[in-house]
Amino acid sequence: MLRIAWMADVAGRDKRNRALGRAGEARILAHERSTLRSAERADLAGKARWTPKEDCDGAGFDIARSAHDGRLRLIEIKTMNG
């Protein structure tokens, strides 16, 4: 079993997956802020939050932001390559 785990490099794969996930979340946060600025809502763009980084991981969503009309949008992001 140890040989299989060594060959699969489970820790390395997990590290790469986490880095890819963070990159995806950062990209979507930038997009959401840009969308709000384009709609002339820079006030809301500044309030968009990257929840796992700024608050806590495990909230059930990755980005929290207000929509143009003030409603709260909670966005869960899944990033993969392939």
C-alpha atoms as a PDB file:
ATOM      1  CA  MET A   1       0.000   0.000   0.000  1.00  0.00           C
ATOM      2  CA  LEU A   2       2.846   2.402   0.809  1.00  0.00           C
ATOM      3  CA  ARG A   3       4.339   1.774  -2.619  1.00  0.00           C
ATOM      4  CA  ILE A   4       1.043   2.704  -4.304  1.00  0.00           C
ATOM      5  CA  ALA A   5       0.763   5.897  -2.241  1.00  0.00           C
ATOM      6  CA  TRP A   6       4.378   6.780  -3.046  1.00  0.00           C
ATOM      7  CA  MET A   7       3.805   6.199  -6.756  1.00  0.00           C
ATOM      8  CA  ALA A   8       0.607   8.260  -6.776  1.00  0.00           C
ATOM      9  CA  ASP A   9       2.168  11.184  -4.849  1.00  0.00           C
ATOM     10  CA  VAL A  10      -1.073  11.870  -3.012  1.00  0.00           C
ATOM     11  CA  ALA A  11       0.388  14.800  -1.068  1.00  0.00           C
ATOM     12  CA  GLY A  12       1.747  16.419  -4.222  1.00  0.00           C
ATOM     13  CA  ARG A  13      -1.567  16.003  -6.023  1.00  0.00           C
ATOM     14  CA  ASP A  14      -3.430  17.521  -3.065  1.00  0.00           C
ATOM     15  CA  LYS A  15      -1.048  20.492  -2.999  1.00  0.00           C
ATOM     16  CA  ARG A  16      -1.538  21.104  -6.745  1.00  0.00           C
ATOM     17  CA  ASN A  17      -5.317  20.789  -6.443  1.00  0.00           C
ATOM     18  CA  ARG A  18      -5.436  23.295  -3.584  1.00  0.00           C
ATOM     19  CA  ALA A  19      -3.300  25.767  -5.526  1.00  0.00           C
ATOM     20  CA  LEU A  20      -5.552  25.359  -8.568  1.00  0.00           C
ATOM     21  CA  GLY A  21      -8.642  25.888  -6.403  1.00  0.00           C
ATOM     22  CA  ARG A  22      -7.222  29.081  -4.896  1.00  0.00           C
ATOM     23  CA  ALA A  23      -6.309  30.360  -8.367  1.00  0.00           C
ATOM     24  CA  GLY A  24      -9.858  29.699  -9.584  1.00  0.00           C
ATOM     25  CA  GLU A  25     -11.376  31.482  -6.605  1.00  0.00           C
ATOM     26  CA  ALA A  26      -9.071  34.481  -7.070  1.00  0.00           C
ATOM     27  CA  ARG A  27     -10.010  34.656 -10.761  1.00  0.00           C
ATOM     28  CA  ILE A  28     -13.748  34.593 -10.069  1.00  0.00           C
ATOM     29  CA  LEU A  29     -13.408  37.194  -7.312  1.00  0.00           C
ATOM     30  CA  ALA A  30     -11.587  39.496  -9.755  1.00  0.00           C
ATOM     31  CA  HIS A  31     -14.316  38.876 -12.348  1.00  0.00           C
ATOM     32  CA  GLU A  32     -17.126  39.619  -9.895  1.00  0.00           C
ATOM     33  CA  ARG A  33     -15.450  42.846  -8.756  1.00  0.00           C
ATOM     34  CA  SER A  34     -14.872  43.868 -12.380  1.00  0.00           C
ATOM     35  CA  THR A  35     -18.523  43.183 -13.201  1.00  0.00           C
ATOM     36  CA  LEU A  36     -19.666  45.421 -10.357  1.00  0.00           C
ATOM     37  CA  ARG A  37     -17.261  48.203 -11.355  1.00  0.00           C
ATOM     38  CA  SER A  38     -18.535  47.990 -14.947  1.00  0.00           C
ATOM     39  CA  ALA A  39     -22.046  48.443 -13.606  1.00  0.00           C
ATOM     40  CA  GLU A  40     -20.803  51.557 -11.795  1.00  0.00           C
ATOM     41  CA  ARG A  41     -21.112  49.874  -8.409  1.00  0.00           C
ATOM     42  CA  ALA A  42     -17.554  50.281  -7.134  1.00  0.00           C
ATOM     43  CA  ASP A  43     -19.051  50.586  -3.654  1.00  0.00           C
ATOM     44  CA  LEU A  44     -20.245  46.975  -3.873  1.00  0.00           C
ATOM     45  CA  ALA A  45     -17.077  45.767  -5.619  1.00  0.00           C
ATOM     46  CA  GLY A  46     -15.041  46.739  -2.582  1.00  0.00           C
ATOM     47  CA  LYS A  47     -17.307  44.705  -0.321  1.00  0.00           C
ATOM     48  CA  ALA A  48     -17.013  41.416  -2.238  1.00  0.00           C
ATOM     49  CA  ARG A  49     -15.426  38.822   0.063  1.00  0.00           C
ATOM     50  CA  TRP A  50     -13.253  35.761  -0.562  1.00  0.00           C
ATOM     51  CA  THR A  51     -14.748  33.821   2.312  1.00  0.00           C
ATOM     52  CA  PRO A  52     -12.183  31.003   2.831  1.00  0.00           C
ATOM     53  CA  LYS A  53      -9.327  33.521   2.835  1.00  0.00           C
ATOM     54  CA  GLU A  54     -10.942  36.398   4.732  1.00  0.00           C
ATOM     55  CA  ASP A  55     -13.435  34.721   7.065  1.00  0.00           C
ATOM     56  CA  CYS A  56     -13.434  30.941   7.406  1.00  0.00           C
ATOM     57  CA  ASP A  57     -13.123  27.866   5.257  1.00  0.00           C
ATOM     58  CA  GLY A  58     -16.188  25.645   5.403  1.00  0.00           C
ATOM     59  CA  ALA A  59     -18.873  28.302   5.019  1.00  0.00           C
ATOM     60  CA  GLY A  60     -20.324  26.432   2.037  1.00  0.00           C
ATOM     61  CA  PHE A  61     -19.424  29.102  -0.502  1.00  0.00           C
ATOM     62  CA  ASP A  62     -16.291  30.861  -1.703  1.00  0.00           C
ATOM     63  CA  ILE A  63     -17.381  34.355  -2.764  1.00  0.00           C
ATOM     64  CA  ALA A  64     -19.986  36.566  -1.095  1.00  0.00           C
ATOM     65  CA  ARG A  65     -21.020  39.735  -2.857  1.00  0.00           C
ATOM     66  CA  SER A  66     -24.019  41.963  -3.333  1.00  0.00           C
ATOM     67  CA  ALA A  67     -25.764  41.935  -6.701  1.00  0.00           C
ATOM     68  CA  HIS A  68     -26.524  45.171  -8.559  1.00  0.00           C
ATOM     69  CA  ASP A  69     -29.904  45.346  -6.827  1.00  0.00           C
ATOM     70  CA  GLY A  70     -28.422  44.748  -3.374  1.00  0.00           C
ATOM     71  CA  ARG A  71     -29.362  41.066  -3.008  1.00  0.00           C
ATOM     72  CA  LEU A  72     -26.666  38.818  -1.570  1.00  0.00           C
ATOM     73  CA  ARG A  73     -24.970  36.384  -3.985  1.00  0.00           C
ATOM     74  CA  LEU A  74     -23.124  33.391  -2.548  1.00  0.00           C
ATOM     75  CA  ILE A  75     -20.885  31.658  -5.093  1.00  0.00           C
ATOM     76  CA  GLU A  76     -19.308  28.219  -4.733  1.00  0.00           C
ATOM     77  CA  ILE A  77     -16.394  27.699  -7.120  1.00  0.00           C
ATOM     78  CA  LYS A  78     -15.073  24.402  -8.442  1.00  0.00           C
ATOM     79  CA  THR A  79     -11.854  24.570 -10.457  1.00  0.00           C
ATOM     80  CA  MET A  80     -10.281  21.729 -12.388  1.00  0.00           C
ATOM     81  CA  ASN A  81      -7.993  21.171 -15.295  1.00  0.00           C
ATOM     82  CA  GLY A  82      -8.242  18.523 -17.910  1.00  0.00           C
END
